[in-house]
Amino acid sequence: MVVTYDVGAPNLPKKIMGYHISPILEMEGSIRALEMALEGRKYNDYPLIQHSDSGLQYCSNEY
């Protein structure tokens, strides 16, 4: 499972922007969650925070 948070403006709460749940740890799931988060952003000036388990799928060049 990958969860990506949108920090948003300082006065706005954090929210989940992207996620993917799968029984297998593959890079494609991580990429889907990241793409979902990037497509749903409202505030491009503020960073996204990604929470992951630091698995090998995050070390891929495609990611």
N, C-alpha and C. Protein backbone atom coordinates (compact mmCIF):
# COMPACT_ATOMS: atom_id res chain seq x y z
N MET A 1 0.84 -1.18 0.00
CA MET A 1 0.00 0.00 0.00
C MET A 1 0.88 1.23 0.00
N VAL A 2 0.52 2.19 -0.81
CA VAL A 2 1.24 3.45 -0.90
C VAL A 2 0.26 4.56 -0.58
N VAL A 3 0.65 5.47 0.27
CA VAL A 3 -0.21 6.61 0.59
C VAL A 3 0.58 7.88 0.33
N THR A 4 -0.01 8.80 -0.39
CA THR A 4 0.62 10.08 -0.66
C THR A 4 -0.27 11.19 -0.11
N TYR A 5 0.30 12.09 0.68
CA TYR A 5 -0.46 13.17 1.30
C TYR A 5 -0.20 14.48 0.58
N ASP A 6 -1.20 15.32 0.53
CA ASP A 6 -1.06 16.68 0.02
C ASP A 6 -0.97 17.60 1.22
N VAL A 7 0.16 18.28 1.35
CA VAL A 7 0.34 19.20 2.46
C VAL A 7 -0.58 20.40 2.28
N GLY A 8 -0.76 20.86 1.05
CA GLY A 8 -1.67 21.97 0.76
C GLY A 8 -1.21 23.27 1.39
N ALA A 9 -2.09 24.23 1.38
CA ALA A 9 -1.79 25.52 1.99
C ALA A 9 -1.67 25.33 3.50
N PRO A 10 -0.94 26.22 4.17
CA PRO A 10 -0.72 26.05 5.61
C PRO A 10 -2.00 25.91 6.43
N ASN A 11 -3.09 26.51 5.99
CA ASN A 11 -4.33 26.47 6.77
C ASN A 11 -5.23 25.30 6.40
N LEU A 12 -4.83 24.51 5.42
CA LEU A 12 -5.66 23.40 4.98
C LEU A 12 -5.18 22.09 5.59
N PRO A 13 -6.10 21.18 5.87
CA PRO A 13 -5.70 19.89 6.45
C PRO A 13 -5.02 19.00 5.40
N LYS A 14 -4.25 18.04 5.88
CA LYS A 14 -3.65 17.06 4.99
C LYS A 14 -4.71 16.08 4.54
N LYS A 15 -4.54 15.55 3.34
CA LYS A 15 -5.49 14.54 2.89
C LYS A 15 -4.77 13.53 2.00
N ILE A 16 -5.34 12.36 1.88
CA ILE A 16 -4.77 11.32 1.04
C ILE A 16 -5.07 11.67 -0.41
N MET A 17 -4.04 11.75 -1.22
CA MET A 17 -4.19 12.12 -2.62
C MET A 17 -4.06 10.93 -3.56
N GLY A 18 -3.30 9.93 -3.16
CA GLY A 18 -3.10 8.78 -4.03
C GLY A 18 -2.90 7.53 -3.19
N TYR A 19 -3.39 6.42 -3.70
CA TYR A 19 -3.21 5.15 -2.99
C TYR A 19 -3.38 4.01 -3.97
N HIS A 20 -2.83 2.89 -3.63
CA HIS A 20 -3.02 1.67 -4.39
C HIS A 20 -2.83 0.50 -3.42
N ILE A 21 -3.77 -0.40 -3.43
CA ILE A 21 -3.70 -1.57 -2.56
C ILE A 21 -3.62 -2.81 -3.44
N SER A 22 -2.64 -3.65 -3.19
CA SER A 22 -2.45 -4.84 -4.00
C SER A 22 -1.88 -5.95 -3.13
N PRO A 23 -2.19 -7.21 -3.46
CA PRO A 23 -1.62 -8.31 -2.70
C PRO A 23 -0.15 -8.57 -3.06
N ILE A 24 0.33 -7.95 -4.15
CA ILE A 24 1.72 -8.14 -4.58
C ILE A 24 2.45 -6.80 -4.56
N LEU A 25 3.70 -6.83 -4.13
CA LEU A 25 4.51 -5.61 -4.12
C LEU A 25 5.20 -5.49 -5.47
N GLU A 26 4.63 -4.67 -6.34
CA GLU A 26 5.23 -4.42 -7.64
C GLU A 26 5.32 -2.92 -7.86
N MET A 27 6.25 -2.55 -8.71
CA MET A 27 6.48 -1.14 -9.00
C MET A 27 5.25 -0.47 -9.60
N GLU A 28 4.46 -1.19 -10.39
CA GLU A 28 3.31 -0.60 -11.06
C GLU A 28 2.31 -0.01 -10.06
N GLY A 29 2.11 -0.68 -8.94
CA GLY A 29 1.20 -0.17 -7.92
C GLY A 29 1.68 1.14 -7.33
N SER A 30 2.97 1.24 -7.10
CA SER A 30 3.54 2.47 -6.56
C SER A 30 3.39 3.62 -7.56
N ILE A 31 3.61 3.31 -8.83
CA ILE A 31 3.48 4.33 -9.86
C ILE A 31 2.03 4.78 -9.99
N ARG A 32 1.08 3.85 -9.91
CA ARG A 32 -0.34 4.23 -9.97
C ARG A 32 -0.72 5.19 -8.85
N ALA A 33 -0.25 4.91 -7.65
CA ALA A 33 -0.56 5.78 -6.51
C ALA A 33 0.06 7.17 -6.70
N LEU A 34 1.29 7.21 -7.18
CA LEU A 34 1.95 8.49 -7.42
C LEU A 34 1.24 9.28 -8.51
N GLU A 35 0.87 8.62 -9.60
CA GLU A 35 0.15 9.30 -10.68
C GLU A 35 -1.19 9.83 -10.20
N MET A 36 -1.90 9.05 -9.38
CA MET A 36 -3.18 9.50 -8.84
C MET A 36 -2.99 10.77 -8.02
N ALA A 37 -1.95 10.79 -7.21
CA ALA A 37 -1.68 11.96 -6.36
C ALA A 37 -1.33 13.18 -7.20
N LEU A 38 -0.51 13.00 -8.22
CA LEU A 38 -0.10 14.13 -9.05
C LEU A 38 -1.27 14.67 -9.87
N GLU A 39 -2.14 13.80 -10.36
CA GLU A 39 -3.29 14.24 -11.15
C GLU A 39 -4.32 14.98 -10.30
N GLY A 40 -4.41 14.65 -9.03
CA GLY A 40 -5.43 15.25 -8.17
C GLY A 40 -4.98 16.48 -7.41
N ARG A 41 -3.77 16.94 -7.66
CA ARG A 41 -3.26 18.10 -6.92
C ARG A 41 -4.01 19.37 -7.26
N LYS A 42 -4.26 20.17 -6.24
CA LYS A 42 -4.87 21.48 -6.43
C LYS A 42 -3.84 22.59 -6.22
N TYR A 43 -2.86 22.34 -5.39
CA TYR A 43 -1.87 23.35 -5.02
C TYR A 43 -0.50 22.88 -5.47
N ASN A 44 -0.10 23.24 -6.68
CA ASN A 44 1.18 22.78 -7.21
C ASN A 44 2.37 23.44 -6.53
N ASP A 45 2.15 24.51 -5.80
CA ASP A 45 3.25 25.19 -5.12
C ASP A 45 3.64 24.52 -3.81
N TYR A 46 2.83 23.58 -3.35
CA TYR A 46 3.10 22.92 -2.08
C TYR A 46 3.50 21.47 -2.33
N PRO A 47 4.40 20.94 -1.52
CA PRO A 47 4.93 19.59 -1.78
C PRO A 47 3.95 18.48 -1.42
N LEU A 48 4.17 17.35 -2.05
CA LEU A 48 3.49 16.12 -1.65
C LEU A 48 4.42 15.37 -0.71
N ILE A 49 3.86 14.69 0.25
CA ILE A 49 4.63 13.85 1.16
C ILE A 49 4.23 12.41 0.88
N GLN A 50 5.20 11.59 0.58
CA GLN A 50 4.89 10.20 0.30
C GLN A 50 5.31 9.33 1.47
N HIS A 51 4.42 8.45 1.87
CA HIS A 51 4.74 7.47 2.90
C HIS A 51 4.87 6.12 2.22
N SER A 52 5.98 5.47 2.42
CA SER A 52 6.18 4.14 1.85
C SER A 52 6.95 3.29 2.86
N ASP A 53 7.05 2.02 2.55
CA ASP A 53 7.80 1.13 3.44
C ASP A 53 9.25 0.98 2.97
N SER A 54 9.69 1.82 2.04
CA SER A 54 11.05 1.82 1.50
C SER A 54 11.41 0.50 0.83
N GLY A 55 10.44 -0.13 0.21
CA GLY A 55 10.68 -1.39 -0.49
C GLY A 55 11.45 -1.18 -1.78
N LEU A 56 11.85 -2.29 -2.40
CA LEU A 56 12.64 -2.22 -3.62
C LEU A 56 11.89 -1.60 -4.79
N GLN A 57 10.56 -1.65 -4.77
CA GLN A 57 9.80 -1.07 -5.88
C GLN A 57 10.01 0.44 -5.99
N TYR A 58 10.45 1.08 -4.92
CA TYR A 58 10.70 2.52 -4.94
C TYR A 58 12.09 2.86 -5.44
N CYS A 59 12.93 1.85 -5.63
CA CYS A 59 14.30 2.06 -6.12
C CYS A 59 14.38 1.93 -7.64
N SER A 60 13.27 1.64 -8.28
CA SER A 60 13.24 1.43 -9.72
C SER A 60 13.48 2.74 -10.47
N ASN A 61 14.13 2.66 -11.61
CA ASN A 61 14.34 3.86 -12.44
C ASN A 61 13.03 4.43 -12.95
N GLU A 62 12.05 3.57 -13.25
CA GLU A 62 10.76 4.05 -13.73
C GLU A 62 10.03 4.87 -12.67
N TYR A 63 10.23 4.51 -11.41
CA TYR A 63 9.57 5.23 -10.33
C TYR A 63 10.25 6.57 -10.14
